[in-house]
Protein backbone atom coordinates (compact mmCIF):
# COMPACT_ATOMS: atom_id res chain seq x y z
CA UNK A 1 0.00 0.00 0.00
CA UNK A 2 1.11 3.52 -0.68
CA UNK A 3 1.54 6.10 2.03
CA UNK A 4 -1.47 8.34 2.62
CA UNK A 5 -1.09 11.86 1.26
CA UNK A 6 -1.70 14.89 3.46
CA UNK A 7 -2.52 18.45 2.46
CA UNK A 8 -0.90 21.59 3.91
CA UNK A 9 -3.34 21.63 6.85
CA UNK A 10 -2.51 18.06 7.85
CA UNK A 11 -5.69 16.43 6.58
CA UNK A 12 -5.45 13.15 4.71
CA UNK A 13 -6.34 13.40 1.02
CA UNK A 14 -9.01 10.82 0.19
CA UNK A 15 -9.19 9.57 -3.41
CA UNK A 16 -12.98 9.07 -3.54
CA UNK A 17 -15.70 10.90 -1.69
CA UNK A 18 -18.54 8.71 -0.48
CA UNK A 19 -21.95 9.87 -1.64
CA UNK A 20 -24.55 10.72 0.96
CA UNK A 21 -27.97 9.15 0.99
CA UNK A 22 -30.68 11.54 -0.10
CA UNK A 23 -33.50 11.27 2.38
CA UNK A 24 -36.73 13.10 1.84
CA UNK A 25 -37.93 15.45 4.53
CA UNK A 26 -40.71 13.93 6.56
CA UNK A 27 -43.76 16.16 6.75
CA UNK A 28 -46.35 15.44 9.44
CA UNK A 29 -49.60 14.10 8.01
CA UNK A 30 -51.83 15.98 10.43
CA UNK A 31 -51.87 19.70 10.90
CA UNK A 32 -50.14 20.61 14.14
CA UNK A 33 -51.93 23.10 16.35
CA UNK A 34 -49.40 25.06 18.35
CA UNK A 35 -50.70 27.22 21.13
CA UNK A 36 -48.93 30.37 22.12
CA UNK A 37 -48.09 30.27 25.80
CA UNK A 38 -47.75 33.35 27.93
CA UNK A 39 -44.34 34.00 29.37
CA UNK A 40 -44.43 34.57 33.09
CA UNK A 41 -41.19 36.09 34.30
CA UNK A 42 -40.72 36.60 38.00
CA UNK A 43 -38.73 39.84 38.03
CA UNK A 44 -37.77 39.63 41.71
CA UNK A 45 -36.46 36.08 41.37
CA UNK A 46 -34.57 36.94 38.17
CA UNK A 47 -33.00 39.99 39.78
CA UNK A 48 -31.87 37.95 42.80
CA UNK A 49 -30.32 35.30 40.55
CA UNK A 50 -28.42 37.98 38.61
CA UNK A 51 -27.15 39.51 41.84
CA UNK A 52 -26.06 36.10 43.16
CA UNK A 53 -24.19 35.36 39.92
CA UNK A 54 -22.52 38.76 40.08
CA UNK A 55 -21.43 38.17 43.68
CA UNK A 56 -20.01 34.76 42.72
CA UNK A 57 -18.05 36.26 39.85
CA UNK A 58 -16.54 39.24 41.70
CA UNK A 59 -13.79 37.39 43.63
CA UNK A 60 -13.03 34.91 40.84
CA UNK A 61 -9.69 34.62 39.09
CA UNK A 62 -11.52 34.40 35.76
CA UNK A 63 -12.90 37.92 36.16
CA UNK A 64 -9.48 39.25 37.15
CA UNK A 65 -7.90 37.64 34.06
CA UNK A 66 -10.62 39.04 31.81
CA UNK A 67 -10.19 42.54 33.23
CA UNK A 68 -6.41 42.36 32.70
CA UNK A 69 -6.80 41.11 29.13
CA UNK A 70 -9.35 43.77 28.23
CA UNK A 71 -7.33 46.58 29.82
CA UNK A 72 -4.19 45.46 27.94
CA UNK A 73 -6.17 45.28 24.69
CA UNK A 74 -7.62 48.77 25.21
CA UNK A 75 -4.17 50.29 25.79
C-alpha atoms as a PDB file:
ATOM      1  CA  UNK A   1       0.000   0.000   0.000  1.00  0.00           C
ATOM      2  CA  UNK A   2       1.110   3.521  -0.675  1.00  0.00           C
ATOM      3  CA  UNK A   3       1.538   6.097   2.030  1.00  0.00           C
ATOM      4  CA  UNK A   4      -1.474   8.340   2.620  1.00  0.00           C
ATOM      5  CA  UNK A   5      -1.088  11.865   1.258  1.00  0.00           C
ATOM      6  CA  UNK A   6      -1.704  14.886   3.456  1.00  0.00           C
ATOM      7  CA  UNK A   7      -2.524  18.452   2.463  1.00  0.00           C
ATOM      8  CA  UNK A   8      -0.905  21.589   3.912  1.00  0.00           C
ATOM      9  CA  UNK A   9      -3.345  21.625   6.851  1.00  0.00           C
ATOM     10  CA  UNK A  10      -2.508  18.061   7.855  1.00  0.00           C
ATOM     11  CA  UNK A  11      -5.693  16.425   6.575  1.00  0.00           C
ATOM     12  CA  UNK A  12      -5.455  13.146   4.709  1.00  0.00           C
ATOM     13  CA  UNK A  13      -6.343  13.396   1.018  1.00  0.00           C
ATOM     14  CA  UNK A  14      -9.013  10.819   0.192  1.00  0.00           C
ATOM     15  CA  UNK A  15      -9.186   9.566  -3.406  1.00  0.00           C
ATOM     16  CA  UNK A  16     -12.983   9.073  -3.540  1.00  0.00           C
ATOM     17  CA  UNK A  17     -15.704  10.901  -1.695  1.00  0.00           C
ATOM     18  CA  UNK A  18     -18.542   8.707  -0.480  1.00  0.00           C
ATOM     19  CA  UNK A  19     -21.950   9.873  -1.639  1.00  0.00           C
ATOM     20  CA  UNK A  20     -24.546  10.720   0.961  1.00  0.00           C
ATOM     21  CA  UNK A  21     -27.972   9.154   0.991  1.00  0.00           C
ATOM     22  CA  UNK A  22     -30.678  11.540  -0.102  1.00  0.00           C
ATOM     23  CA  UNK A  23     -33.498  11.272   2.381  1.00  0.00           C
ATOM     24  CA  UNK A  24     -36.731  13.102   1.844  1.00  0.00           C
ATOM     25  CA  UNK A  25     -37.925  15.454   4.533  1.00  0.00           C
ATOM     26  CA  UNK A  26     -40.710  13.929   6.561  1.00  0.00           C
ATOM     27  CA  UNK A  27     -43.756  16.165   6.751  1.00  0.00           C
ATOM     28  CA  UNK A  28     -46.346  15.435   9.438  1.00  0.00           C
ATOM     29  CA  UNK A  29     -49.599  14.101   8.010  1.00  0.00           C
ATOM     30  CA  UNK A  30     -51.827  15.977  10.428  1.00  0.00           C
ATOM     31  CA  UNK A  31     -51.867  19.697  10.903  1.00  0.00           C
ATOM     32  CA  UNK A  32     -50.137  20.611  14.143  1.00  0.00           C
ATOM     33  CA  UNK A  33     -51.926  23.101  16.349  1.00  0.00           C
ATOM     34  CA  UNK A  34     -49.398  25.057  18.345  1.00  0.00           C
ATOM     35  CA  UNK A  35     -50.702  27.224  21.127  1.00  0.00           C
ATOM     36  CA  UNK A  36     -48.932  30.374  22.123  1.00  0.00           C
ATOM     37  CA  UNK A  37     -48.085  30.267  25.800  1.00  0.00           C
ATOM     38  CA  UNK A  38     -47.752  33.350  27.931  1.00  0.00           C
ATOM     39  CA  UNK A  39     -44.335  33.999  29.373  1.00  0.00           C
ATOM     40  CA  UNK A  40     -44.425  34.566  33.093  1.00  0.00           C
ATOM     41  CA  UNK A  41     -41.186  36.095  34.300  1.00  0.00           C
ATOM     42  CA  UNK A  42     -40.717  36.602  38.003  1.00  0.00           C
ATOM     43  CA  UNK A  43     -38.730  39.837  38.032  1.00  0.00           C
ATOM     44  CA  UNK A  44     -37.775  39.631  41.711  1.00  0.00           C
ATOM     45  CA  UNK A  45     -36.463  36.078  41.366  1.00  0.00           C
ATOM     46  CA  UNK A  46     -34.570  36.935  38.174  1.00  0.00           C
ATOM     47  CA  UNK A  47     -32.996  39.993  39.778  1.00  0.00           C
ATOM     48  CA  UNK A  48     -31.873  37.951  42.803  1.00  0.00           C
ATOM     49  CA  UNK A  49     -30.320  35.302  40.545  1.00  0.00           C
ATOM     50  CA  UNK A  50     -28.419  37.976  38.609  1.00  0.00           C
ATOM     51  CA  UNK A  51     -27.147  39.509  41.843  1.00  0.00           C
ATOM     52  CA  UNK A  52     -26.056  36.097  43.158  1.00  0.00           C
ATOM     53  CA  UNK A  53     -24.188  35.355  39.925  1.00  0.00           C
ATOM     54  CA  UNK A  54     -22.516  38.760  40.076  1.00  0.00           C
ATOM     55  CA  UNK A  55     -21.430  38.166  43.679  1.00  0.00           C
ATOM     56  CA  UNK A  56     -20.012  34.755  42.722  1.00  0.00           C
ATOM     57  CA  UNK A  57     -18.052  36.263  39.846  1.00  0.00           C
ATOM     58  CA  UNK A  58     -16.541  39.240  41.704  1.00  0.00           C
ATOM     59  CA  UNK A  59     -13.789  37.393  43.633  1.00  0.00           C
ATOM     60  CA  UNK A  60     -13.029  34.906  40.842  1.00  0.00           C
ATOM     61  CA  UNK A  61      -9.687  34.618  39.088  1.00  0.00           C
ATOM     62  CA  UNK A  62     -11.517  34.398  35.765  1.00  0.00           C
ATOM     63  CA  UNK A  63     -12.897  37.923  36.160  1.00  0.00           C
ATOM     64  CA  UNK A  64      -9.479  39.251  37.148  1.00  0.00           C
ATOM     65  CA  UNK A  65      -7.899  37.644  34.061  1.00  0.00           C
ATOM     66  CA  UNK A  66     -10.624  39.040  31.806  1.00  0.00           C
ATOM     67  CA  UNK A  67     -10.194  42.544  33.230  1.00  0.00           C
ATOM     68  CA  UNK A  68      -6.414  42.356  32.705  1.00  0.00           C
ATOM     69  CA  UNK A  69      -6.795  41.106  29.133  1.00  0.00           C
ATOM     70  CA  UNK A  70      -9.347  43.771  28.234  1.00  0.00           C
ATOM     71  CA  UNK A  71      -7.335  46.578  29.818  1.00  0.00           C
ATOM     72  CA  UNK A  72      -4.190  45.457  27.936  1.00  0.00           C
ATOM     73  CA  UNK A  73      -6.175  45.276  24.693  1.00  0.00           C
ATOM     74  CA  UNK A  74      -7.620  48.771  25.214  1.00  0.00           C
ATOM     75  CA  UNK A  75      -4.172  50.286  25.788  1.00  0.00           C
END
